[in-house]
Amino acid sequence: MEVQVNGEWRAFPEGTTVAGLVEALGAAPQGIAVALDGEVVRRGDWAEVVVPAGARLEILTAVQGG
């Protein structure tokens, strides 16, 4: 299936969860937030939320500083 991650179309297996997608991208789960089609997905729900084909995901990294 194709999904858009941070503006770039990427292919993932059908049934991929948010947690699986973050892992497949090699992103460390600490310090990031994920929005699926404009809605933030709680970290505790990542393992259960299946990403649908054509979805738009934004993966944001927390930045410290001022």
PDB file of N, CA and C in Angstrom:
ATOM      1  N   MET A   1       0.845  -1.180   0.000  1.00  0.00           N
ATOM      2  CA  MET A   1       0.000   0.000   0.000  1.00  0.00           C
ATOM      3  C   MET A   1       0.882   1.230   0.000  1.00  0.00           C
ATOM      4  N   GLU A   2       0.367   2.302  -0.513  1.00  0.00           N
ATOM      5  CA  GLU A   2       1.094   3.568  -0.562  1.00  0.00           C
ATOM      6  C   GLU A   2       0.507   4.529   0.469  1.00  0.00           C
ATOM      7  N   VAL A   3       1.383   5.166   1.238  1.00  0.00           N
ATOM      8  CA  VAL A   3       0.972   6.204   2.182  1.00  0.00           C
ATOM      9  C   VAL A   3       1.944   7.373   2.049  1.00  0.00           C
ATOM     10  N   GLN A   4       1.475   8.536   2.421  1.00  0.00           N
ATOM     11  CA  GLN A   4       2.319   9.722   2.345  1.00  0.00           C
ATOM     12  C   GLN A   4       2.906   9.994   3.724  1.00  0.00           C
ATOM     13  N   VAL A   5       4.233  10.002   3.814  1.00  0.00           N
ATOM     14  CA  VAL A   5       4.928  10.254   5.077  1.00  0.00           C
ATOM     15  C   VAL A   5       5.729  11.534   4.927  1.00  0.00           C
ATOM     16  N   ASN A   6       5.348  12.543   5.698  1.00  0.00           N
ATOM     17  CA  ASN A   6       6.012  13.852   5.639  1.00  0.00           C
ATOM     18  C   ASN A   6       6.130  14.351   4.201  1.00  0.00           C
ATOM     19  N   GLY A   7       5.042  14.179   3.439  1.00  0.00           N
ATOM     20  CA  GLY A   7       4.986  14.701   2.075  1.00  0.00           C
ATOM     21  C   GLY A   7       5.553  13.793   1.002  1.00  0.00           C
ATOM     22  N   GLU A   8       6.106  12.639   1.379  1.00  0.00           N
ATOM     23  CA  GLU A   8       6.723  11.719   0.416  1.00  0.00           C
ATOM     24  C   GLU A   8       5.938  10.405   0.383  1.00  0.00           C
ATOM     25  N   TRP A   9       5.573   9.951  -0.807  1.00  0.00           N
ATOM     26  CA  TRP A   9       4.847   8.681  -0.936  1.00  0.00           C
ATOM     27  C   TRP A   9       5.798   7.524  -0.710  1.00  0.00           C
ATOM     28  N   ARG A  10       5.378   6.584   0.151  1.00  0.00           N
ATOM     29  CA  ARG A  10       6.188   5.419   0.495  1.00  0.00           C
ATOM     30  C   ARG A  10       5.305   4.179   0.461  1.00  0.00           C
ATOM     31  N   ALA A  11       5.909   3.015   0.222  1.00  0.00           N
ATOM     32  CA  ALA A  11       5.173   1.752   0.183  1.00  0.00           C
ATOM     33  C   ALA A  11       5.415   0.970   1.468  1.00  0.00           C
ATOM     34  N   PHE A  12       4.333   0.413   2.026  1.00  0.00           N
ATOM     35  CA  PHE A  12       4.380  -0.430   3.221  1.00  0.00           C
ATOM     36  C   PHE A  12       3.417  -1.591   3.027  1.00  0.00           C
ATOM     37  N   PRO A  13       3.632  -2.696   3.722  1.00  0.00           N
ATOM     38  CA  PRO A  13       2.701  -3.824   3.613  1.00  0.00           C
ATOM     39  C   PRO A  13       1.313  -3.462   4.149  1.00  0.00           C
ATOM     40  N   GLU A  14       0.280  -4.054   3.557  1.00  0.00           N
ATOM     41  CA  GLU A  14      -1.089  -3.878   4.070  1.00  0.00           C
ATOM     42  C   GLU A  14      -1.118  -4.282   5.540  1.00  0.00           C
ATOM     43  N   GLY A  15      -1.890  -3.571   6.338  1.00  0.00           N
ATOM     44  CA  GLY A  15      -2.036  -3.900   7.747  1.00  0.00           C
ATOM     45  C   GLY A  15      -0.955  -3.333   8.643  1.00  0.00           C
ATOM     46  N   THR A  16      -0.071  -2.508   8.095  1.00  0.00           N
ATOM     47  CA  THR A  16       0.989  -1.909   8.909  1.00  0.00           C
ATOM     48  C   THR A  16       0.377  -0.968   9.939  1.00  0.00           C
ATOM     49  N   THR A  17       0.837  -1.097  11.176  1.00  0.00           N
ATOM     50  CA  THR A  17       0.374  -0.205  12.243  1.00  0.00           C
ATOM     51  C   THR A  17       1.278   1.025  12.297  1.00  0.00           C
ATOM     52  N   VAL A  18       0.855   2.008  13.059  1.00  0.00           N
ATOM     53  CA  VAL A  18       1.687   3.198  13.247  1.00  0.00           C
ATOM     54  C   VAL A  18       3.032   2.785  13.849  1.00  0.00           C
ATOM     55  N   ALA A  19       3.016   1.894  14.843  1.00  0.00           N
ATOM     56  CA  ALA A  19       4.264   1.430  15.460  1.00  0.00           C
ATOM     57  C   ALA A  19       5.155   0.742  14.432  1.00  0.00           C
ATOM     58  N   GLY A  20       4.585  -0.093  13.591  1.00  0.00           N
ATOM     59  CA  GLY A  20       5.354  -0.788  12.565  1.00  0.00           C
ATOM     60  C   GLY A  20       5.937   0.167  11.548  1.00  0.00           C
ATOM     61  N   LEU A  21       5.183   1.192  11.203  1.00  0.00           N
ATOM     62  CA  LEU A  21       5.665   2.179  10.246  1.00  0.00           C
ATOM     63  C   LEU A  21       6.834   2.973  10.827  1.00  0.00           C
ATOM     64  N   VAL A  22       6.692   3.410  12.082  1.00  0.00           N
ATOM     65  CA  VAL A  22       7.776   4.159  12.736  1.00  0.00           C
ATOM     66  C   VAL A  22       9.036   3.292  12.794  1.00  0.00           C
ATOM     67  N   GLU A  23       8.862   2.013  13.142  1.00  0.00           N
ATOM     68  CA  GLU A  23      10.006   1.092  13.201  1.00  0.00           C
ATOM     69  C   GLU A  23      10.621   0.894  11.821  1.00  0.00           C
ATOM     70  N   ALA A  24       9.794   0.718  10.797  1.00  0.00           N
ATOM     71  CA  ALA A  24      10.291   0.509   9.438  1.00  0.00           C
ATOM     72  C   ALA A  24      11.078   1.713   8.933  1.00  0.00           C
ATOM     73  N   LEU A  25      10.724   2.888   9.398  1.00  0.00           N
ATOM     74  CA  LEU A  25      11.438   4.096   8.991  1.00  0.00           C
ATOM     75  C   LEU A  25      12.740   4.281   9.762  1.00  0.00           C
ATOM     76  N   GLY A  26      12.929   3.466  10.799  1.00  0.00           N
ATOM     77  CA  GLY A  26      14.150   3.561  11.595  1.00  0.00           C
ATOM     78  C   GLY A  26      14.146   4.727  12.565  1.00  0.00           C
ATOM     79  N   ALA A  27      12.958   5.254  12.833  1.00  0.00           N
ATOM     80  CA  ALA A  27      12.855   6.380  13.758  1.00  0.00           C
ATOM     81  C   ALA A  27      12.800   5.881  15.194  1.00  0.00           C
ATOM     82  N   ALA A  28      13.521   6.543  16.067  1.00  0.00           N
ATOM     83  CA  ALA A  28      13.449   6.211  17.493  1.00  0.00           C
ATOM     84  C   ALA A  28      12.105   6.705  18.005  1.00  0.00           C
ATOM     85  N   PRO A  29      11.334   5.850  18.680  1.00  0.00           N
ATOM     86  CA  PRO A  29      10.002   6.266  19.116  1.00  0.00           C
ATOM     87  C   PRO A  29       9.992   7.346  20.194  1.00  0.00           C
ATOM     88  N   GLN A  30      11.100   7.526  20.903  1.00  0.00           N
ATOM     89  CA  GLN A  30      11.163   8.558  21.925  1.00  0.00           C
ATOM     90  C   GLN A  30      11.315   9.919  21.248  1.00  0.00           C
ATOM     91  N   GLY A  31      10.554  10.876  21.743  1.00  0.00           N
ATOM     92  CA  GLY A  31      10.702  12.244  21.266  1.00  0.00           C
ATOM     93  C   GLY A  31      10.034  12.538  19.943  1.00  0.00           C
ATOM     94  N   ILE A  32       9.141  11.665  19.477  1.00  0.00           N
ATOM     95  CA  ILE A  32       8.429  11.954  18.235  1.00  0.00           C
ATOM     96  C   ILE A  32       6.928  11.899  18.472  1.00  0.00           C
ATOM     97  N   ALA A  33       6.208  12.562  17.600  1.00  0.00           N
ATOM     98  CA  ALA A  33       4.744  12.515  17.595  1.00  0.00           C
ATOM     99  C   ALA A  33       4.316  12.141  16.189  1.00  0.00           C
ATOM    100  N   VAL A  34       3.179  11.451  16.095  1.00  0.00           N
ATOM    101  CA  VAL A  34       2.676  11.013  14.796  1.00  0.00           C
ATOM    102  C   VAL A  34       1.245  11.521  14.630  1.00  0.00           C
ATOM    103  N   ALA A  35       0.987  12.141  13.480  1.00  0.00           N
ATOM    104  CA  ALA A  35      -0.371  12.546  13.118  1.00  0.00           C
ATOM    105  C   ALA A  35      -0.787  11.738  11.904  1.00  0.00           C
ATOM    106  N   LEU A  36      -1.978  11.169  11.961  1.00  0.00           N
ATOM    107  CA  LEU A  36      -2.531  10.372  10.874  1.00  0.00           C
ATOM    108  C   LEU A  36      -3.736  11.123  10.321  1.00  0.00           C
ATOM    109  N   ASP A  37      -3.622  11.548   9.067  1.00  0.00           N
ATOM    110  CA  ASP A  37      -4.683  12.340   8.430  1.00  0.00           C
ATOM    111  C   ASP A  37      -5.110  13.524   9.292  1.00  0.00           C
ATOM    112  N   GLY A  38      -4.106  14.209   9.864  1.00  0.00           N
ATOM    113  CA  GLY A  38      -4.353  15.430  10.623  1.00  0.00           C
ATOM    114  C   GLY A  38      -4.712  15.240  12.083  1.00  0.00           C
ATOM    115  N   GLU A  39      -4.807  14.005  12.558  1.00  0.00           N
ATOM    116  CA  GLU A  39      -5.144  13.741  13.955  1.00  0.00           C
ATOM    117  C   GLU A  39      -3.962  13.079  14.657  1.00  0.00           C
ATOM    118  N   VAL A  40      -3.550  13.626  15.800  1.00  0.00           N
ATOM    119  CA  VAL A  40      -2.445  13.048  16.559  1.00  0.00           C
ATOM    120  C   VAL A  40      -2.860  11.669  17.074  1.00  0.00           C
ATOM    121  N   VAL A  41      -1.960  10.697  16.918  1.00  0.00           N
ATOM    122  CA  VAL A  41      -2.196   9.339  17.417  1.00  0.00           C
ATOM    123  C   VAL A  41      -1.431   9.204  18.731  1.00  0.00           C
ATOM    124  N   ARG A  42      -2.146   8.889  19.799  1.00  0.00           N
ATOM    125  CA  ARG A  42      -1.494   8.707  21.099  1.00  0.00           C
ATOM    126  C   ARG A  42      -0.493   7.562  21.017  1.00  0.00           C
ATOM    127  N   ARG A  43       0.661   7.747  21.619  1.00  0.00           N
ATOM    128  CA  ARG A  43       1.717   6.729  21.596  1.00  0.00           C
ATOM    129  C   ARG A  43       1.210   5.374  22.089  1.00  0.00           C
ATOM    130  N   GLY A  44       0.358   5.366  23.079  1.00  0.00           N
ATOM    131  CA  GLY A  44      -0.190   4.121  23.608  1.00  0.00           C
ATOM    132  C   GLY A  44      -1.069   3.375  22.606  1.00  0.00           C
ATOM    133  N   ASP A  45      -1.505   4.061  21.556  1.00  0.00           N
ATOM    134  CA  ASP A  45      -2.362   3.455  20.536  1.00  0.00           C
ATOM    135  C   ASP A  45      -1.603   3.037  19.284  1.00  0.00           C
ATOM    136  N   TRP A  46      -0.329   3.354  19.183  1.00  0.00           N
ATOM    137  CA  TRP A  46       0.436   3.088  17.962  1.00  0.00           C
ATOM    138  C   TRP A  46       0.366   1.624  17.527  1.00  0.00           C
ATOM    139  N   ALA A  47       0.419   0.695  18.474  1.00  0.00           N
ATOM    140  CA  ALA A  47       0.446  -0.730  18.135  1.00  0.00           C
ATOM    141  C   ALA A  47      -0.893  -1.229  17.603  1.00  0.00           C
ATOM    142  N   GLU A  48      -1.979  -0.520  17.894  1.00  0.00           N
ATOM    143  CA  GLU A  48      -3.304  -0.959  17.452  1.00  0.00           C
ATOM    144  C   GLU A  48      -3.821  -0.230  16.221  1.00  0.00           C
ATOM    145  N   VAL A  49      -3.322   0.976  15.955  1.00  0.00           N
ATOM    146  CA  VAL A  49      -3.857   1.778  14.852  1.00  0.00           C
ATOM    147  C   VAL A  49      -3.223   1.327  13.538  1.00  0.00           C
ATOM    148  N   VAL A  50      -4.069   0.777  12.662  1.00  0.00           N
ATOM    149  CA  VAL A  50      -3.618   0.331  11.346  1.00  0.00           C
ATOM    150  C   VAL A  50      -3.682   1.520  10.389  1.00  0.00           C
ATOM    151  N   VAL A  51      -2.614   1.707   9.635  1.00  0.00           N
ATOM    152  CA  VAL A  51      -2.534   2.809   8.681  1.00  0.00           C
ATOM    153  C   VAL A  51      -3.231   2.387   7.389  1.00  0.00           C
ATOM    154  N   PRO A  52      -4.265   3.118   6.966  1.00  0.00           N
ATOM    155  CA  PRO A  52      -4.959   2.747   5.732  1.00  0.00           C
ATOM    156  C   PRO A  52      -4.201   3.224   4.487  1.00  0.00           C
ATOM    157  N   ALA A  53      -4.407   2.530   3.389  1.00  0.00           N
ATOM    158  CA  ALA A  53      -3.798   2.936   2.112  1.00  0.00           C
ATOM    159  C   ALA A  53      -4.236   4.364   1.789  1.00  0.00           C
ATOM    160  N   GLY A  54      -3.303   5.157   1.285  1.00  0.00           N
ATOM    161  CA  GLY A  54      -3.599   6.529   0.908  1.00  0.00           C
ATOM    162  C   GLY A  54      -3.568   7.522   2.044  1.00  0.00           C
ATOM    163  N   ALA A  55      -3.238   7.038   3.249  1.00  0.00           N
ATOM    164  CA  ALA A  55      -3.215   7.920   4.422  1.00  0.00           C
ATOM    165  C   ALA A  55      -2.079   8.927   4.310  1.00  0.00           C
ATOM    166  N   ARG A  56      -2.235  10.016   5.055  1.00  0.00           N
ATOM    167  CA  ARG A  56      -1.218  11.050   5.122  1.00  0.00           C
ATOM    168  C   ARG A  56      -0.708  11.100   6.558  1.00  0.00           C
ATOM    169  N   LEU A  57       0.581  10.793   6.741  1.00  0.00           N
ATOM    170  CA  LEU A  57       1.181  10.808   8.076  1.00  0.00           C
ATOM    171  C   LEU A  57       2.220  11.911   8.170  1.00  0.00           C
ATOM    172  N   GLU A  58       2.263  12.521   9.328  1.00  0.00           N
ATOM    173  CA  GLU A  58       3.312  13.483   9.656  1.00  0.00           C
ATOM    174  C   GLU A  58       4.011  12.951  10.887  1.00  0.00           C
ATOM    175  N   ILE A  59       5.321  12.786  10.790  1.00  0.00           N
ATOM    176  CA  ILE A  59       6.125  12.328  11.925  1.00  0.00           C
ATOM    177  C   ILE A  59       7.002  13.503  12.335  1.00  0.00           C
ATOM    178  N   LEU A  60       6.780  13.977  13.552  1.00  0.00           N
ATOM    179  CA  LEU A  60       7.442  15.183  14.037  1.00  0.00           C
ATOM    180  C   LEU A  60       8.383  14.839  15.173  1.00  0.00           C
ATOM    181  N   THR A  61       9.556  15.440  15.161  1.00  0.00           N
ATOM    182  CA  THR A  61      10.553  15.238  16.201  1.00  0.00           C
ATOM    183  C   THR A  61      10.542  16.444  17.129  1.00  0.00           C
ATOM    184  N   ALA A  62      10.512  16.164  18.430  1.00  0.00           N
ATOM    185  CA  ALA A  62      10.577  17.230  19.419  1.00  0.00           C
ATOM    186  C   ALA A  62      11.968  17.861  19.398  1.00  0.00           C
ATOM    187  N   VAL A  63      12.013  19.164  19.462  1.00  0.00           N
ATOM    188  CA  VAL A  63      13.286  19.892  19.462  1.00  0.00           C
ATOM    189  C   VAL A  63      13.335  20.734  20.712  1.00  0.00           C
ATOM    190  N   GLN A  64      14.455  20.668  21.402  1.00  0.00           N
ATOM    191  CA  GLN A  64      14.618  21.422  22.640  1.00  0.00           C
ATOM    192  C   GLN A  64      15.417  22.675  22.347  1.00  0.00           C
ATOM    193  N   GLY A  65      15.089  23.728  23.030  1.00  0.00           N
ATOM    194  CA  GLY A  65      15.844  24.954  22.858  1.00  0.00           C
ATOM    195  C   GLY A  65      14.928  26.157  22.922  1.00  0.00           C
ATOM    196  N   GLY A  66      15.498  27.295  22.656  1.00  0.00           N
ATOM    197  CA  GLY A  66      14.671  28.489  22.782  1.00  0.00           C
ATOM    198  C   GLY A  66      14.963  29.489  21.739  1.00  0.00           C
TER     199      GLY A  66
END
